Amino acid sequence: MEGEIQFNLVTFNEIIGGWAKYGMVDKVERYWMAMMMYNLNPDCQTFCHLIAALRRDGRMEDAIDTFMKMEELGCIPNTSFYNVMICNFISVKDLEEAINWYRRMLDKNCNPDANTFKTLIMAFLKARRVSYALEFFDKMIVNGITPSTRMITDFIELLCNFGPPYAAMMIYKRARKVECEVSLKGGCC
C-alpha cells in the first residue's frame, strides 16, 4: 500500500475520518500513530475526527478531554469542532449540554453556521420542545443564515407528524418572510 499512495496529512485525515464515522477508535488510534511515524502532526481536522470517533464509541468524557487538550496543542476550535460537540451531546440525549456548547461557541466568538442551527432545531423538534426550535429558527434568521428548502421541509414535516400545526405554519411564514424557497410537495399538514 505504501508504494501506491502518497501518505500526507490529507491522506491520513481521510482514512482516520472514515474509521471515525464507524466509531472505530482502535483504527483511528492505529492510523494516528502511523501518521506520527511519518513525522506528520495531527491538525484540527484530525482532532475533529478523533472526537467524533470517541463519541460514537460511547467515550464522551474522552471526547471532552480531547477537545480541551487540542487547544493546548495549538489547535483553535472552529465552528466544525463545536458542531461535533453539539452533535455528541444531542446523540446522548443531553440537550442542555448541547445548548451549553452552543453558548461556549458564542463566548469564543465562533459563529454558528447553518449546520449548527439545523442540528439544534431538529433535536428540539424531535424532543418536542417546539418553543426552543422556534427560538433557534429565529436566531438563525437573525444571524443572516437563510435555511435551505430541504431544511424548511424537514422542519415542517417533523412538526406535521406530531403537531402542533400552528408551529409548522409559523416556520412556513417566517421562511417566506425572508424569501426562502419552500417546497410545495413536502410538509403538508
N, C-alpha and C. Protein backbone atom coordinates (compact mmCIF):
# COMPACT_ATOMS: atom_id res chain seq x y z
N MET A 1 0.82 -1.19 0.00
CA MET A 1 0.00 0.00 0.00
C MET A 1 0.87 1.25 0.00
N GLU A 2 2.02 1.18 0.59
CA GLU A 2 2.90 2.33 0.71
C GLU A 2 3.37 2.83 -0.65
N GLY A 3 3.60 1.93 -1.59
CA GLY A 3 4.09 2.33 -2.90
C GLY A 3 3.01 2.91 -3.79
N GLU A 4 1.75 2.64 -3.49
CA GLU A 4 0.65 3.06 -4.34
C GLU A 4 0.10 4.43 -3.97
N ILE A 5 0.17 4.80 -2.72
CA ILE A 5 -0.44 6.03 -2.24
C ILE A 5 0.61 6.90 -1.57
N GLN A 6 0.57 8.19 -1.89
CA GLN A 6 1.46 9.12 -1.21
C GLN A 6 0.82 9.49 0.13
N PHE A 7 1.48 9.16 1.22
CA PHE A 7 0.94 9.44 2.53
C PHE A 7 1.30 10.86 2.95
N ASN A 8 0.27 11.66 3.17
CA ASN A 8 0.44 13.00 3.71
C ASN A 8 -0.70 13.24 4.70
N LEU A 9 -0.78 14.41 5.23
CA LEU A 9 -1.79 14.70 6.24
C LEU A 9 -3.20 14.52 5.71
N VAL A 10 -3.44 14.92 4.47
CA VAL A 10 -4.76 14.76 3.86
C VAL A 10 -5.13 13.29 3.77
N THR A 11 -4.20 12.46 3.34
CA THR A 11 -4.44 11.01 3.23
C THR A 11 -4.82 10.44 4.59
N PHE A 12 -4.04 10.76 5.59
CA PHE A 12 -4.32 10.24 6.93
C PHE A 12 -5.65 10.76 7.47
N ASN A 13 -5.95 12.03 7.22
CA ASN A 13 -7.23 12.57 7.69
C ASN A 13 -8.41 11.86 7.04
N GLU A 14 -8.28 11.52 5.77
CA GLU A 14 -9.36 10.79 5.09
C GLU A 14 -9.54 9.40 5.68
N ILE A 15 -8.44 8.71 5.91
CA ILE A 15 -8.50 7.36 6.49
C ILE A 15 -9.06 7.43 7.91
N ILE A 16 -8.54 8.33 8.70
CA ILE A 16 -8.99 8.48 10.09
C ILE A 16 -10.46 8.89 10.13
N GLY A 17 -10.85 9.80 9.24
CA GLY A 17 -12.24 10.23 9.16
C GLY A 17 -13.18 9.09 8.81
N GLY A 18 -12.74 8.22 7.91
CA GLY A 18 -13.56 7.06 7.55
C GLY A 18 -13.79 6.13 8.73
N TRP A 19 -12.73 5.83 9.46
CA TRP A 19 -12.87 4.96 10.64
C TRP A 19 -13.67 5.66 11.73
N ALA A 20 -13.52 6.97 11.84
CA ALA A 20 -14.24 7.72 12.87
C ALA A 20 -15.75 7.64 12.67
N LYS A 21 -16.19 7.62 11.42
CA LYS A 21 -17.63 7.54 11.14
C LYS A 21 -18.26 6.28 11.71
N TYR A 22 -17.45 5.25 11.87
CA TYR A 22 -17.95 4.00 12.42
C TYR A 22 -17.60 3.83 13.90
N GLY A 23 -16.98 4.85 14.50
CA GLY A 23 -16.62 4.78 15.91
C GLY A 23 -15.52 3.78 16.21
N MET A 24 -14.70 3.50 15.21
CA MET A 24 -13.62 2.52 15.37
C MET A 24 -12.38 3.21 15.93
N VAL A 25 -12.42 3.48 17.23
CA VAL A 25 -11.34 4.23 17.88
C VAL A 25 -10.01 3.51 17.76
N ASP A 26 -10.03 2.19 17.83
CA ASP A 26 -8.77 1.44 17.73
C ASP A 26 -8.10 1.68 16.38
N LYS A 27 -8.90 1.73 15.31
CA LYS A 27 -8.34 2.00 13.97
C LYS A 27 -7.89 3.46 13.86
N VAL A 28 -8.68 4.36 14.43
CA VAL A 28 -8.30 5.78 14.43
C VAL A 28 -6.95 5.94 15.12
N GLU A 29 -6.81 5.32 16.28
CA GLU A 29 -5.54 5.42 17.03
C GLU A 29 -4.39 4.77 16.27
N ARG A 30 -4.67 3.67 15.59
CA ARG A 30 -3.62 2.99 14.81
C ARG A 30 -3.09 3.89 13.70
N TYR A 31 -4.01 4.53 12.96
CA TYR A 31 -3.57 5.41 11.88
C TYR A 31 -3.01 6.73 12.41
N TRP A 32 -3.46 7.14 13.58
CA TRP A 32 -2.88 8.32 14.23
C TRP A 32 -1.40 8.07 14.50
N MET A 33 -1.10 6.87 15.05
CA MET A 33 0.30 6.51 15.34
C MET A 33 1.11 6.38 14.05
N ALA A 34 0.51 5.80 13.02
CA ALA A 34 1.19 5.67 11.73
C ALA A 34 1.51 7.06 11.17
N MET A 35 0.58 7.98 11.34
CA MET A 35 0.79 9.35 10.88
C MET A 35 1.99 9.96 11.60
N MET A 36 2.10 9.72 12.88
CA MET A 36 3.22 10.24 13.65
C MET A 36 4.54 9.64 13.18
N MET A 37 4.50 8.37 12.77
CA MET A 37 5.72 7.72 12.27
C MET A 37 6.19 8.37 10.97
N TYR A 38 5.28 8.99 10.24
CA TYR A 38 5.63 9.72 9.02
C TYR A 38 6.02 11.16 9.34
N ASN A 39 6.19 11.45 10.62
CA ASN A 39 6.53 12.80 11.09
C ASN A 39 5.47 13.84 10.71
N LEU A 40 4.23 13.40 10.72
CA LEU A 40 3.11 14.30 10.45
C LEU A 40 2.36 14.52 11.76
N ASN A 41 2.15 15.77 12.10
CA ASN A 41 1.42 16.09 13.32
C ASN A 41 -0.07 16.24 13.00
N PRO A 42 -0.92 15.81 13.92
CA PRO A 42 -2.36 15.95 13.70
C PRO A 42 -2.74 17.42 13.59
N ASP A 43 -3.69 17.71 12.72
CA ASP A 43 -4.20 19.07 12.61
C ASP A 43 -5.60 19.11 13.22
N CYS A 44 -6.26 20.24 13.08
CA CYS A 44 -7.58 20.40 13.67
C CYS A 44 -8.57 19.37 13.14
N GLN A 45 -8.49 19.06 11.86
CA GLN A 45 -9.40 18.08 11.26
C GLN A 45 -9.19 16.70 11.88
N THR A 46 -7.95 16.33 12.13
CA THR A 46 -7.64 15.04 12.75
C THR A 46 -8.26 14.96 14.14
N PHE A 47 -8.12 16.03 14.90
CA PHE A 47 -8.73 16.07 16.23
C PHE A 47 -10.25 15.96 16.15
N CYS A 48 -10.83 16.64 15.17
CA CYS A 48 -12.28 16.61 14.99
C CYS A 48 -12.75 15.18 14.74
N HIS A 49 -12.02 14.45 13.89
CA HIS A 49 -12.36 13.05 13.62
C HIS A 49 -12.24 12.20 14.89
N LEU A 50 -11.19 12.42 15.66
CA LEU A 50 -10.99 11.65 16.89
C LEU A 50 -12.12 11.90 17.87
N ILE A 51 -12.52 13.14 18.02
CA ILE A 51 -13.61 13.49 18.93
C ILE A 51 -14.90 12.79 18.51
N ALA A 52 -15.18 12.80 17.21
CA ALA A 52 -16.39 12.12 16.70
C ALA A 52 -16.32 10.62 16.94
N ALA A 53 -15.15 10.03 16.72
CA ALA A 53 -14.98 8.58 16.93
C ALA A 53 -15.17 8.21 18.39
N LEU A 54 -14.63 9.01 19.28
CA LEU A 54 -14.77 8.74 20.71
C LEU A 54 -16.23 8.77 21.13
N ARG A 55 -16.98 9.73 20.62
CA ARG A 55 -18.41 9.80 20.94
C ARG A 55 -19.14 8.58 20.40
N ARG A 56 -18.86 8.21 19.18
CA ARG A 56 -19.54 7.05 18.59
C ARG A 56 -19.20 5.76 19.33
N ASP A 57 -18.06 5.75 19.97
CA ASP A 57 -17.65 4.59 20.76
C ASP A 57 -18.17 4.68 22.20
N GLY A 58 -18.94 5.74 22.49
CA GLY A 58 -19.51 5.89 23.82
C GLY A 58 -18.57 6.47 24.85
N ARG A 59 -17.51 7.11 24.40
CA ARG A 59 -16.50 7.65 25.32
C ARG A 59 -16.57 9.18 25.35
N MET A 60 -17.68 9.69 25.87
CA MET A 60 -17.92 11.14 25.89
C MET A 60 -16.88 11.89 26.71
N GLU A 61 -16.50 11.35 27.85
CA GLU A 61 -15.51 12.03 28.69
C GLU A 61 -14.19 12.18 27.94
N ASP A 62 -13.80 11.13 27.23
CA ASP A 62 -12.56 11.20 26.43
C ASP A 62 -12.69 12.22 25.31
N ALA A 63 -13.89 12.32 24.73
CA ALA A 63 -14.12 13.31 23.66
C ALA A 63 -13.96 14.72 24.22
N ILE A 64 -14.52 14.96 25.39
CA ILE A 64 -14.40 16.28 26.03
C ILE A 64 -12.94 16.57 26.37
N ASP A 65 -12.25 15.59 26.95
CA ASP A 65 -10.83 15.77 27.29
C ASP A 65 -10.00 16.08 26.05
N THR A 66 -10.28 15.39 24.96
CA THR A 66 -9.55 15.62 23.71
C THR A 66 -9.79 17.04 23.21
N PHE A 67 -11.04 17.49 23.30
CA PHE A 67 -11.37 18.85 22.90
C PHE A 67 -10.55 19.86 23.70
N MET A 68 -10.46 19.63 25.00
CA MET A 68 -9.71 20.56 25.87
C MET A 68 -8.20 20.50 25.58
N LYS A 69 -7.69 19.32 25.33
CA LYS A 69 -6.25 19.16 25.09
C LYS A 69 -5.80 19.74 23.76
N MET A 70 -6.68 19.72 22.77
CA MET A 70 -6.26 20.18 21.45
C MET A 70 -5.92 21.67 21.46
N GLU A 71 -6.61 22.42 22.31
CA GLU A 71 -6.28 23.85 22.42
C GLU A 71 -4.87 24.03 22.95
N GLU A 72 -4.49 23.19 23.91
CA GLU A 72 -3.14 23.25 24.46
C GLU A 72 -2.09 22.98 23.39
N LEU A 73 -2.47 22.17 22.40
CA LEU A 73 -1.54 21.82 21.32
C LEU A 73 -1.59 22.81 20.15
N GLY A 74 -2.30 23.92 20.35
CA GLY A 74 -2.31 24.97 19.34
C GLY A 74 -3.40 24.85 18.29
N CYS A 75 -4.34 23.96 18.49
CA CYS A 75 -5.44 23.81 17.54
C CYS A 75 -6.65 24.55 18.10
N ILE A 76 -6.96 25.68 17.51
CA ILE A 76 -8.06 26.51 17.99
C ILE A 76 -9.37 25.99 17.41
N PRO A 77 -10.35 25.69 18.27
CA PRO A 77 -11.63 25.15 17.78
C PRO A 77 -12.35 26.15 16.88
N ASN A 78 -12.93 25.61 15.83
CA ASN A 78 -13.75 26.42 14.93
C ASN A 78 -15.19 25.91 14.99
N THR A 79 -16.03 26.41 14.11
CA THR A 79 -17.44 26.03 14.09
C THR A 79 -17.61 24.52 13.95
N SER A 80 -16.81 23.89 13.12
CA SER A 80 -16.92 22.44 12.92
C SER A 80 -16.71 21.67 14.23
N PHE A 81 -15.74 22.10 15.02
CA PHE A 81 -15.49 21.44 16.31
C PHE A 81 -16.69 21.56 17.23
N TYR A 82 -17.20 22.78 17.33
CA TYR A 82 -18.35 22.98 18.20
C TYR A 82 -19.56 22.20 17.69
N ASN A 83 -19.73 22.13 16.37
CA ASN A 83 -20.83 21.34 15.81
C ASN A 83 -20.70 19.87 16.20
N VAL A 84 -19.47 19.35 16.18
CA VAL A 84 -19.25 17.96 16.58
C VAL A 84 -19.62 17.78 18.05
N MET A 85 -19.21 18.70 18.90
CA MET A 85 -19.52 18.58 20.32
C MET A 85 -21.03 18.71 20.57
N ILE A 86 -21.68 19.61 19.85
CA ILE A 86 -23.14 19.75 19.98
C ILE A 86 -23.82 18.46 19.55
N CYS A 87 -23.39 17.90 18.43
CA CYS A 87 -23.94 16.61 17.95
C CYS A 87 -23.68 15.50 18.96
N ASN A 88 -22.50 15.51 19.55
CA ASN A 88 -22.16 14.50 20.55
C ASN A 88 -23.19 14.48 21.68
N PHE A 89 -23.52 15.64 22.18
CA PHE A 89 -24.46 15.69 23.30
C PHE A 89 -25.89 15.43 22.87
N ILE A 90 -26.24 15.83 21.67
CA ILE A 90 -27.57 15.51 21.17
C ILE A 90 -27.72 14.00 21.01
N SER A 91 -26.67 13.35 20.56
CA SER A 91 -26.74 11.90 20.33
C SER A 91 -26.94 11.11 21.63
N VAL A 92 -26.52 11.68 22.75
CA VAL A 92 -26.75 11.02 24.04
C VAL A 92 -27.94 11.66 24.77
N LYS A 93 -28.74 12.39 24.01
CA LYS A 93 -29.99 12.99 24.51
C LYS A 93 -29.78 14.00 25.64
N ASP A 94 -28.68 14.73 25.59
CA ASP A 94 -28.39 15.75 26.59
C ASP A 94 -28.46 17.12 25.92
N LEU A 95 -29.70 17.59 25.72
CA LEU A 95 -29.90 18.86 25.01
C LEU A 95 -29.39 20.05 25.81
N GLU A 96 -29.46 19.96 27.13
CA GLU A 96 -28.97 21.07 27.95
C GLU A 96 -27.47 21.28 27.75
N GLU A 97 -26.73 20.18 27.70
CA GLU A 97 -25.29 20.29 27.48
C GLU A 97 -24.99 20.75 26.05
N ALA A 98 -25.83 20.33 25.11
CA ALA A 98 -25.67 20.80 23.72
C ALA A 98 -25.83 22.31 23.66
N ILE A 99 -26.81 22.83 24.39
CA ILE A 99 -27.01 24.29 24.45
C ILE A 99 -25.81 24.96 25.12
N ASN A 100 -25.27 24.33 26.16
CA ASN A 100 -24.07 24.89 26.82
C ASN A 100 -22.91 25.00 25.84
N TRP A 101 -22.73 23.99 24.98
CA TRP A 101 -21.66 24.04 23.98
C TRP A 101 -21.95 25.09 22.92
N TYR A 102 -23.21 25.30 22.61
CA TYR A 102 -23.59 26.38 21.68
C TYR A 102 -23.20 27.73 22.30
N ARG A 103 -23.51 27.90 23.57
CA ARG A 103 -23.15 29.15 24.27
C ARG A 103 -21.64 29.33 24.36
N ARG A 104 -20.95 28.24 24.63
CA ARG A 104 -19.48 28.28 24.70
C ARG A 104 -18.92 28.73 23.35
N MET A 105 -19.52 28.23 22.30
CA MET A 105 -19.11 28.59 20.94
C MET A 105 -19.26 30.10 20.73
N LEU A 106 -20.39 30.66 21.16
CA LEU A 106 -20.61 32.10 21.04
C LEU A 106 -19.64 32.88 21.90
N ASP A 107 -19.37 32.38 23.11
CA ASP A 107 -18.42 33.04 24.02
C ASP A 107 -17.02 33.13 23.43
N LYS A 108 -16.66 32.16 22.60
CA LYS A 108 -15.34 32.13 21.96
C LYS A 108 -15.34 32.88 20.63
N ASN A 109 -16.42 33.65 20.38
CA ASN A 109 -16.56 34.42 19.14
C ASN A 109 -16.49 33.54 17.90
N CYS A 110 -17.06 32.38 18.00
CA CYS A 110 -17.13 31.44 16.89
C CYS A 110 -18.57 31.45 16.39
N ASN A 111 -18.77 31.81 15.15
CA ASN A 111 -20.12 31.97 14.61
C ASN A 111 -20.75 30.64 14.23
N PRO A 112 -21.98 30.41 14.69
CA PRO A 112 -22.69 29.20 14.28
C PRO A 112 -23.00 29.26 12.78
N ASP A 113 -23.11 28.10 12.16
CA ASP A 113 -23.45 28.05 10.74
C ASP A 113 -24.80 27.36 10.57
N ALA A 114 -25.20 27.15 9.33
CA ALA A 114 -26.49 26.52 9.04
C ALA A 114 -26.57 25.13 9.67
N ASN A 115 -25.47 24.40 9.66
CA ASN A 115 -25.44 23.06 10.24
C ASN A 115 -25.68 23.11 11.75
N THR A 116 -25.10 24.10 12.42
CA THR A 116 -25.31 24.27 13.86
C THR A 116 -26.80 24.42 14.16
N PHE A 117 -27.42 25.34 13.43
CA PHE A 117 -28.83 25.61 13.69
C PHE A 117 -29.72 24.44 13.30
N LYS A 118 -29.44 23.82 12.16
CA LYS A 118 -30.27 22.69 11.74
C LYS A 118 -30.19 21.56 12.77
N THR A 119 -28.99 21.27 13.24
CA THR A 119 -28.80 20.20 14.23
C THR A 119 -29.59 20.49 15.50
N LEU A 120 -29.49 21.70 16.00
CA LEU A 120 -30.20 22.05 17.24
C LEU A 120 -31.71 22.08 17.03
N ILE A 121 -32.16 22.67 15.94
CA ILE A 121 -33.60 22.76 15.69
C ILE A 121 -34.21 21.37 15.54
N MET A 122 -33.57 20.50 14.77
CA MET A 122 -34.09 19.14 14.59
C MET A 122 -34.12 18.40 15.93
N ALA A 123 -33.10 18.59 16.75
CA ALA A 123 -33.06 17.93 18.06
C ALA A 123 -34.21 18.42 18.94
N PHE A 124 -34.46 19.72 18.93
CA PHE A 124 -35.56 20.26 19.73
C PHE A 124 -36.90 19.76 19.22
N LEU A 125 -37.05 19.70 17.91
CA LEU A 125 -38.32 19.21 17.35
C LEU A 125 -38.54 17.74 17.70
N LYS A 126 -37.49 16.93 17.59
CA LYS A 126 -37.62 15.51 17.93
C LYS A 126 -37.93 15.30 19.41
N ALA A 127 -37.42 16.22 20.24
CA ALA A 127 -37.70 16.15 21.68
C ALA A 127 -39.02 16.84 22.03
N ARG A 128 -39.69 17.35 21.00
CA ARG A 128 -40.97 18.06 21.14
C ARG A 128 -40.86 19.31 22.01
N ARG A 129 -39.73 19.97 21.87
CA ARG A 129 -39.51 21.24 22.55
C ARG A 129 -39.60 22.33 21.49
N VAL A 130 -40.83 22.54 21.04
CA VAL A 130 -41.10 23.39 19.88
C VAL A 130 -40.71 24.84 20.12
N SER A 131 -40.93 25.35 21.31
CA SER A 131 -40.60 26.76 21.57
C SER A 131 -39.10 27.01 21.40
N TYR A 132 -38.26 26.05 21.84
CA TYR A 132 -36.81 26.18 21.64
C TYR A 132 -36.47 26.13 20.15
N ALA A 133 -37.14 25.23 19.44
CA ALA A 133 -36.88 25.11 18.00
C ALA A 133 -37.21 26.42 17.29
N LEU A 134 -38.34 27.02 17.63
CA LEU A 134 -38.72 28.29 17.02
C LEU A 134 -37.74 29.40 17.40
N GLU A 135 -37.30 29.39 18.65
CA GLU A 135 -36.32 30.38 19.10
C GLU A 135 -35.02 30.28 18.29
N PHE A 136 -34.54 29.05 18.08
CA PHE A 136 -33.31 28.87 17.33
C PHE A 136 -33.51 29.14 15.84
N PHE A 137 -34.71 28.89 15.34
CA PHE A 137 -35.01 29.24 13.95
C PHE A 137 -34.89 30.75 13.78
N ASP A 138 -35.45 31.50 14.73
CA ASP A 138 -35.34 32.96 14.68
C ASP A 138 -33.89 33.42 14.79
N LYS A 139 -33.11 32.77 15.66
CA LYS A 139 -31.69 33.13 15.80
C LYS A 139 -30.95 32.90 14.48
N MET A 140 -31.30 31.82 13.80
CA MET A 140 -30.67 31.51 12.52
C MET A 140 -30.94 32.64 11.53
N ILE A 141 -32.18 33.07 11.45
CA ILE A 141 -32.57 34.14 10.53
C ILE A 141 -31.86 35.44 10.91
N VAL A 142 -31.85 35.77 12.20
CA VAL A 142 -31.20 37.00 12.68
C VAL A 142 -29.71 36.99 12.36
N ASN A 143 -29.09 35.82 12.40
CA ASN A 143 -27.66 35.69 12.07
C ASN A 143 -27.40 35.74 10.57
N GLY A 144 -28.44 35.96 9.79
CA GLY A 144 -28.26 36.08 8.34
C GLY A 144 -28.10 34.76 7.62
N ILE A 145 -28.49 33.68 8.26
CA ILE A 145 -28.39 32.36 7.63
C ILE A 145 -29.74 32.00 7.05
N THR A 146 -29.78 31.87 5.75
CA THR A 146 -31.01 31.52 5.06
C THR A 146 -31.12 30.01 4.98
N PRO A 147 -32.16 29.44 5.59
CA PRO A 147 -32.30 27.99 5.55
C PRO A 147 -32.61 27.50 4.13
N SER A 148 -32.11 26.32 3.83
CA SER A 148 -32.36 25.73 2.52
C SER A 148 -33.80 25.22 2.44
N THR A 149 -34.26 24.97 1.23
CA THR A 149 -35.58 24.40 1.02
C THR A 149 -35.70 23.07 1.77
N ARG A 150 -34.66 22.25 1.69
CA ARG A 150 -34.66 20.95 2.37
C ARG A 150 -34.82 21.12 3.89
N MET A 151 -34.11 22.11 4.43
CA MET A 151 -34.17 22.36 5.87
C MET A 151 -35.60 22.72 6.29
N ILE A 152 -36.19 23.66 5.57
CA ILE A 152 -37.55 24.10 5.88
C ILE A 152 -38.51 22.92 5.78
N THR A 153 -38.37 22.13 4.72
CA THR A 153 -39.23 20.96 4.53
C THR A 153 -39.07 19.98 5.69
N ASP A 154 -37.84 19.72 6.10
CA ASP A 154 -37.60 18.81 7.23
C ASP A 154 -38.28 19.31 8.50
N PHE A 155 -38.15 20.60 8.78
CA PHE A 155 -38.76 21.17 9.98
C PHE A 155 -40.28 21.03 9.93
N ILE A 156 -40.86 21.42 8.80
CA ILE A 156 -42.32 21.39 8.67
C ILE A 156 -42.85 19.96 8.73
N GLU A 157 -42.18 19.05 8.03
CA GLU A 157 -42.63 17.65 8.05
C GLU A 157 -42.60 17.08 9.47
N LEU A 158 -41.55 17.37 10.19
CA LEU A 158 -41.44 16.86 11.56
C LEU A 158 -42.55 17.45 12.44
N LEU A 159 -42.81 18.73 12.29
CA LEU A 159 -43.88 19.36 13.07
C LEU A 159 -45.24 18.80 12.69
N CYS A 160 -45.45 18.52 11.42
CA CYS A 160 -46.74 17.99 10.97
C CYS A 160 -46.95 16.55 11.43
N ASN A 161 -45.87 15.83 11.68
CA ASN A 161 -46.01 14.45 12.13
C ASN A 161 -46.54 14.34 13.56
N PHE A 162 -46.24 15.32 14.40
CA PHE A 162 -46.71 15.24 15.78
C PHE A 162 -47.45 16.49 16.22
N GLY A 163 -47.47 17.51 15.38
CA GLY A 163 -48.13 18.75 15.74
C GLY A 163 -47.19 19.63 16.53
N PRO A 164 -47.55 20.77 16.88
CA PRO A 164 -48.78 21.46 16.52
C PRO A 164 -48.68 22.09 15.14
N PRO A 165 -49.77 22.03 14.38
CA PRO A 165 -49.74 22.60 13.03
C PRO A 165 -49.46 24.11 13.03
N TYR A 166 -49.84 24.78 14.12
CA TYR A 166 -49.58 26.21 14.23
C TYR A 166 -48.09 26.50 14.14
N ALA A 167 -47.27 25.68 14.79
CA ALA A 167 -45.82 25.87 14.75
C ALA A 167 -45.28 25.66 13.34
N ALA A 168 -45.83 24.68 12.63
CA ALA A 168 -45.42 24.44 11.24
C ALA A 168 -45.74 25.67 10.39
N MET A 169 -46.91 26.26 10.64
CA MET A 169 -47.30 27.46 9.90
C MET A 169 -46.38 28.63 10.25
N MET A 170 -45.95 28.72 11.51
CA MET A 170 -45.03 29.79 11.90
C MET A 170 -43.70 29.66 11.16
N ILE A 171 -43.18 28.44 11.09
CA ILE A 171 -41.92 28.21 10.35
C ILE A 171 -42.12 28.60 8.89
N TYR A 172 -43.22 28.17 8.31
CA TYR A 172 -43.52 28.47 6.91
C TYR A 172 -43.56 29.99 6.69
N LYS A 173 -44.30 30.69 7.52
CA LYS A 173 -44.45 32.15 7.35
C LYS A 173 -43.12 32.87 7.54
N ARG A 174 -42.36 32.46 8.55
CA ARG A 174 -41.06 33.10 8.80
C ARG A 174 -40.09 32.83 7.65
N ALA A 175 -40.16 31.64 7.11
CA ALA A 175 -39.29 31.30 5.97
C ALA A 175 -39.66 32.13 4.75
N ARG A 176 -40.95 32.26 4.49
CA ARG A 176 -41.40 33.06 3.34
C ARG A 176 -41.05 34.53 3.53
N LYS A 177 -41.11 35.00 4.76
CA LYS A 177 -40.82 36.41 5.06
C LYS A 177 -39.40 36.79 4.66
N VAL A 178 -38.46 35.85 4.83
CA VAL A 178 -37.07 36.13 4.44
C VAL A 178 -36.76 35.53 3.06
N GLU A 179 -37.82 35.27 2.31
CA GLU A 179 -37.73 34.84 0.91
C GLU A 179 -37.03 33.49 0.72
N CYS A 180 -37.26 32.58 1.65
CA CYS A 180 -36.75 31.21 1.49
C CYS A 180 -37.64 30.48 0.49
N GLU A 181 -37.01 29.63 -0.28
CA GLU A 181 -37.77 28.74 -1.16
C GLU A 181 -38.40 27.67 -0.29
N VAL A 182 -39.69 27.46 -0.45
CA VAL A 182 -40.39 26.43 0.31
C VAL A 182 -41.02 25.46 -0.66
N SER A 183 -40.76 24.18 -0.44
CA SER A 183 -41.30 23.14 -1.31
C SER A 183 -42.79 22.98 -1.06
N LEU A 184 -43.55 22.90 -2.14
CA LEU A 184 -44.99 22.67 -2.01
C LEU A 184 -45.30 21.18 -1.95
N LYS A 185 -44.31 20.33 -2.22
CA LYS A 185 -44.53 18.89 -2.21
C LYS A 185 -44.48 18.31 -0.81
N GLY A 186 -43.57 18.79 0.00
CA GLY A 186 -43.38 18.21 1.33
C GLY A 186 -44.01 19.07 2.40
N GLY A 187 -44.21 18.47 3.53
CA GLY A 187 -44.62 19.22 4.71
C GLY A 187 -46.08 19.60 4.76
N CYS A 188 -46.95 18.87 4.09
CA CYS A 188 -48.37 19.18 4.15
C CYS A 188 -48.98 18.63 5.43
N CYS A 189 -49.56 19.51 6.22
CA CYS A 189 -50.18 19.08 7.48
C CYS A 189 -51.60 18.61 7.24
